[in-house]
Amino acid sequence: MQVKNLQQADRFAPAKVKGIALIAFAAHSYAVFLDLHRPMGIHLDFFSVGSLIAWLVVALVLLSSLRQKSITCSSAYSRWRQSL
């Protein structure tokens, strides 16, 4: 779905892509929670910590993308053409 939206620059829907990213982030959050929390305590092996670091990076990128004003490829191209 993201590839289809990105290929059609005129019909790019940043809200739809961000919504999909939020759903994926929520699913990853749930998976990390299930992986780390065990009956005996927190499970911090190599791959669990790697997944936790990836979750943190995704959270930071997602937060920064939600704050940014999104531009489409066609508007970026038209701005570039006008600057020439």
N, C-alpha and C. Protein backbone atom coordinates (compact mmCIF):
# COMPACT_ATOMS: atom_id res chain seq x y z
N MET A 1 0.82 -1.18 0.00
CA MET A 1 0.00 0.00 0.00
C MET A 1 0.88 1.25 0.00
N GLN A 2 1.97 1.25 0.76
CA GLN A 2 2.84 2.41 0.77
C GLN A 2 3.51 2.61 -0.57
N VAL A 3 3.94 1.52 -1.19
CA VAL A 3 4.59 1.64 -2.49
C VAL A 3 3.62 2.20 -3.52
N LYS A 4 2.39 1.75 -3.49
CA LYS A 4 1.38 2.24 -4.42
C LYS A 4 1.15 3.74 -4.23
N ASN A 5 1.09 4.20 -2.97
CA ASN A 5 0.92 5.63 -2.70
C ASN A 5 2.13 6.44 -3.15
N LEU A 6 3.32 5.88 -2.95
CA LEU A 6 4.52 6.62 -3.31
C LEU A 6 4.72 6.69 -4.82
N GLN A 7 4.26 5.68 -5.56
CA GLN A 7 4.41 5.69 -7.00
C GLN A 7 3.50 6.71 -7.66
N GLN A 8 2.40 7.03 -7.04
CA GLN A 8 1.46 8.01 -7.59
C GLN A 8 1.65 9.31 -6.83
N ALA A 9 2.57 10.15 -7.33
CA ALA A 9 2.95 11.37 -6.61
C ALA A 9 1.78 12.34 -6.46
N ASP A 10 0.89 12.39 -7.42
CA ASP A 10 -0.22 13.32 -7.34
C ASP A 10 -1.26 12.89 -6.30
N ARG A 11 -1.36 11.60 -6.07
CA ARG A 11 -2.36 11.08 -5.15
C ARG A 11 -1.72 10.61 -3.84
N PHE A 12 -0.56 11.17 -3.51
CA PHE A 12 0.16 10.80 -2.29
C PHE A 12 -0.65 11.21 -1.07
N ALA A 13 -0.84 10.28 -0.17
CA ALA A 13 -1.64 10.54 1.03
C ALA A 13 -0.76 10.36 2.26
N PRO A 14 -0.12 11.44 2.72
CA PRO A 14 0.77 11.29 3.87
C PRO A 14 0.05 10.84 5.13
N ALA A 15 -1.19 11.21 5.30
CA ALA A 15 -1.93 10.79 6.49
C ALA A 15 -2.13 9.27 6.49
N LYS A 16 -2.36 8.70 5.32
CA LYS A 16 -2.54 7.26 5.22
C LYS A 16 -1.25 6.51 5.53
N VAL A 17 -0.14 7.02 5.03
CA VAL A 17 1.16 6.39 5.28
C VAL A 17 1.51 6.49 6.76
N LYS A 18 1.26 7.65 7.36
CA LYS A 18 1.55 7.81 8.78
C LYS A 18 0.64 6.94 9.64
N GLY A 19 -0.59 6.75 9.20
CA GLY A 19 -1.49 5.85 9.92
C GLY A 19 -1.01 4.41 9.89
N ILE A 20 -0.54 3.99 8.73
CA ILE A 20 0.01 2.63 8.60
C ILE A 20 1.25 2.49 9.48
N ALA A 21 2.07 3.53 9.51
CA ALA A 21 3.28 3.49 10.34
C ALA A 21 2.91 3.42 11.83
N LEU A 22 1.87 4.13 12.24
CA LEU A 22 1.45 4.07 13.64
C LEU A 22 0.92 2.69 14.01
N ILE A 23 0.19 2.06 13.10
CA ILE A 23 -0.30 0.70 13.35
C ILE A 23 0.87 -0.28 13.46
N ALA A 24 1.85 -0.14 12.56
CA ALA A 24 3.03 -1.01 12.62
C ALA A 24 3.82 -0.78 13.90
N PHE A 25 3.92 0.49 14.33
CA PHE A 25 4.62 0.80 15.57
C PHE A 25 3.90 0.19 16.78
N ALA A 26 2.58 0.25 16.79
CA ALA A 26 1.82 -0.33 17.88
C ALA A 26 2.00 -1.85 17.92
N ALA A 27 2.01 -2.49 16.76
CA ALA A 27 2.22 -3.94 16.71
C ALA A 27 3.63 -4.30 17.20
N HIS A 28 4.63 -3.52 16.81
CA HIS A 28 6.00 -3.76 17.26
C HIS A 28 6.11 -3.53 18.77
N SER A 29 5.41 -2.53 19.27
CA SER A 29 5.42 -2.27 20.72
C SER A 29 4.88 -3.47 21.48
N TYR A 30 3.79 -4.02 21.01
CA TYR A 30 3.19 -5.19 21.66
C TYR A 30 4.13 -6.39 21.60
N ALA A 31 4.78 -6.58 20.45
CA ALA A 31 5.70 -7.71 20.30
C ALA A 31 6.92 -7.55 21.22
N VAL A 32 7.45 -6.34 21.33
CA VAL A 32 8.59 -6.09 22.22
C VAL A 32 8.17 -6.32 23.67
N PHE A 33 6.98 -5.85 24.03
CA PHE A 33 6.50 -6.06 25.39
C PHE A 33 6.40 -7.54 25.72
N LEU A 34 5.83 -8.32 24.81
CA LEU A 34 5.70 -9.75 25.05
C LEU A 34 7.05 -10.45 25.13
N ASP A 35 8.01 -9.97 24.33
CA ASP A 35 9.33 -10.60 24.30
C ASP A 35 10.14 -10.27 25.55
N LEU A 36 10.02 -9.05 26.06
CA LEU A 36 10.85 -8.64 27.19
C LEU A 36 10.30 -9.09 28.54
N HIS A 37 9.01 -9.09 28.71
CA HIS A 37 8.42 -9.40 30.01
C HIS A 37 8.11 -10.89 30.13
N ARG A 38 8.83 -11.52 31.03
CA ARG A 38 8.66 -12.95 31.30
C ARG A 38 8.23 -13.12 32.76
N PRO A 39 7.73 -14.27 33.13
CA PRO A 39 7.31 -14.49 34.53
C PRO A 39 8.47 -14.34 35.54
N MET A 40 9.68 -14.61 35.10
CA MET A 40 10.83 -14.51 36.00
C MET A 40 11.44 -13.11 36.02
N GLY A 41 10.94 -12.19 35.22
CA GLY A 41 11.49 -10.84 35.16
C GLY A 41 11.71 -10.41 33.71
N ILE A 42 12.50 -9.38 33.55
CA ILE A 42 12.77 -8.86 32.20
C ILE A 42 13.83 -9.72 31.53
N HIS A 43 13.58 -10.09 30.29
CA HIS A 43 14.45 -10.96 29.51
C HIS A 43 15.26 -10.10 28.55
N LEU A 44 16.56 -9.92 28.84
CA LEU A 44 17.40 -9.03 28.04
C LEU A 44 18.52 -9.81 27.35
N ASP A 45 18.18 -10.66 26.40
CA ASP A 45 19.22 -11.30 25.62
C ASP A 45 19.57 -10.41 24.42
N PHE A 46 20.48 -10.87 23.59
CA PHE A 46 21.00 -10.06 22.48
C PHE A 46 19.90 -9.60 21.52
N PHE A 47 19.06 -10.51 21.08
CA PHE A 47 18.04 -10.17 20.10
C PHE A 47 16.90 -9.35 20.70
N SER A 48 16.60 -9.55 21.96
CA SER A 48 15.57 -8.74 22.61
C SER A 48 16.02 -7.30 22.74
N VAL A 49 17.28 -7.11 23.10
CA VAL A 49 17.82 -5.74 23.20
C VAL A 49 17.89 -5.11 21.82
N GLY A 50 18.25 -5.88 20.81
CA GLY A 50 18.26 -5.37 19.43
C GLY A 50 16.88 -4.93 18.99
N SER A 51 15.88 -5.70 19.34
CA SER A 51 14.51 -5.33 19.01
C SER A 51 14.07 -4.09 19.77
N LEU A 52 14.51 -3.96 21.01
CA LEU A 52 14.19 -2.77 21.80
C LEU A 52 14.86 -1.52 21.22
N ILE A 53 16.09 -1.65 20.77
CA ILE A 53 16.79 -0.52 20.14
C ILE A 53 16.10 -0.14 18.83
N ALA A 54 15.70 -1.13 18.04
CA ALA A 54 14.97 -0.84 16.80
C ALA A 54 13.65 -0.15 17.09
N TRP A 55 12.97 -0.58 18.15
CA TRP A 55 11.71 0.07 18.55
C TRP A 55 11.94 1.53 18.90
N LEU A 56 13.03 1.81 19.62
CA LEU A 56 13.34 3.18 20.00
C LEU A 56 13.66 4.04 18.78
N VAL A 57 14.42 3.51 17.83
CA VAL A 57 14.74 4.25 16.61
C VAL A 57 13.47 4.54 15.81
N VAL A 58 12.60 3.55 15.69
CA VAL A 58 11.34 3.74 14.97
C VAL A 58 10.48 4.79 15.67
N ALA A 59 10.46 4.77 17.00
CA ALA A 59 9.69 5.77 17.74
C ALA A 59 10.20 7.17 17.48
N LEU A 60 11.52 7.34 17.47
CA LEU A 60 12.09 8.67 17.23
C LEU A 60 11.83 9.14 15.80
N VAL A 61 11.98 8.26 14.84
CA VAL A 61 11.72 8.64 13.44
C VAL A 61 10.25 8.95 13.23
N LEU A 62 9.38 8.16 13.83
CA LEU A 62 7.94 8.39 13.68
C LEU A 62 7.53 9.70 14.33
N LEU A 63 8.06 10.00 15.51
CA LEU A 63 7.75 11.28 16.15
C LEU A 63 8.25 12.46 15.32
N SER A 64 9.44 12.34 14.76
CA SER A 64 9.95 13.45 13.95
C SER A 64 9.16 13.60 12.65
N SER A 65 8.68 12.50 12.10
CA SER A 65 7.90 12.60 10.86
C SER A 65 6.50 13.16 11.13
N LEU A 66 5.96 12.92 12.32
CA LEU A 66 4.66 13.48 12.64
C LEU A 66 4.73 14.99 12.85
N ARG A 67 5.88 15.49 13.26
CA ARG A 67 6.05 16.92 13.46
C ARG A 67 6.35 17.66 12.17
N GLN A 68 6.94 16.98 11.19
CA GLN A 68 7.33 17.63 9.95
C GLN A 68 6.14 17.83 9.03
N LYS A 69 6.19 18.92 8.28
CA LYS A 69 5.22 19.12 7.23
C LYS A 69 5.66 18.26 6.04
N SER A 70 4.79 17.41 5.58
CA SER A 70 5.17 16.51 4.49
C SER A 70 4.96 17.20 3.15
N ILE A 71 5.87 16.92 2.22
CA ILE A 71 5.74 17.43 0.87
C ILE A 71 5.72 16.25 -0.08
N THR A 72 5.03 16.40 -1.16
CA THR A 72 4.97 15.32 -2.15
C THR A 72 6.13 15.45 -3.11
N CYS A 73 6.37 14.41 -3.86
CA CYS A 73 7.45 14.42 -4.82
C CYS A 73 7.20 15.47 -5.91
N SER A 74 5.95 15.61 -6.33
CA SER A 74 5.65 16.56 -7.39
C SER A 74 5.86 18.00 -6.92
N SER A 75 5.51 18.30 -5.67
CA SER A 75 5.71 19.66 -5.18
C SER A 75 7.19 19.94 -4.98
N ALA A 76 7.97 18.96 -4.56
CA ALA A 76 9.41 19.15 -4.41
C ALA A 76 10.05 19.37 -5.77
N TYR A 77 9.59 18.62 -6.78
CA TYR A 77 10.13 18.78 -8.13
C TYR A 77 9.79 20.16 -8.70
N SER A 78 8.56 20.61 -8.47
CA SER A 78 8.17 21.91 -8.99
C SER A 78 8.94 23.03 -8.30
N ARG A 79 9.21 22.90 -7.01
CA ARG A 79 10.03 23.90 -6.32
C ARG A 79 11.45 23.92 -6.87
N TRP A 80 11.98 22.74 -7.16
CA TRP A 80 13.32 22.67 -7.71
C TRP A 80 13.38 23.32 -9.08
N ARG A 81 12.36 23.06 -9.93
CA ARG A 81 12.32 23.64 -11.27
C ARG A 81 12.21 25.16 -11.20
N GLN A 82 11.48 25.69 -10.24
CA GLN A 82 11.32 27.13 -10.12
C GLN A 82 12.61 27.79 -9.65
N SER A 83 13.44 27.07 -8.93
CA SER A 83 14.69 27.66 -8.45
C SER A 83 15.75 27.76 -9.54
N LEU A 84 15.56 27.07 -10.65
CA LEU A 84 16.56 27.11 -11.74
C LEU A 84 16.48 28.36 -12.56
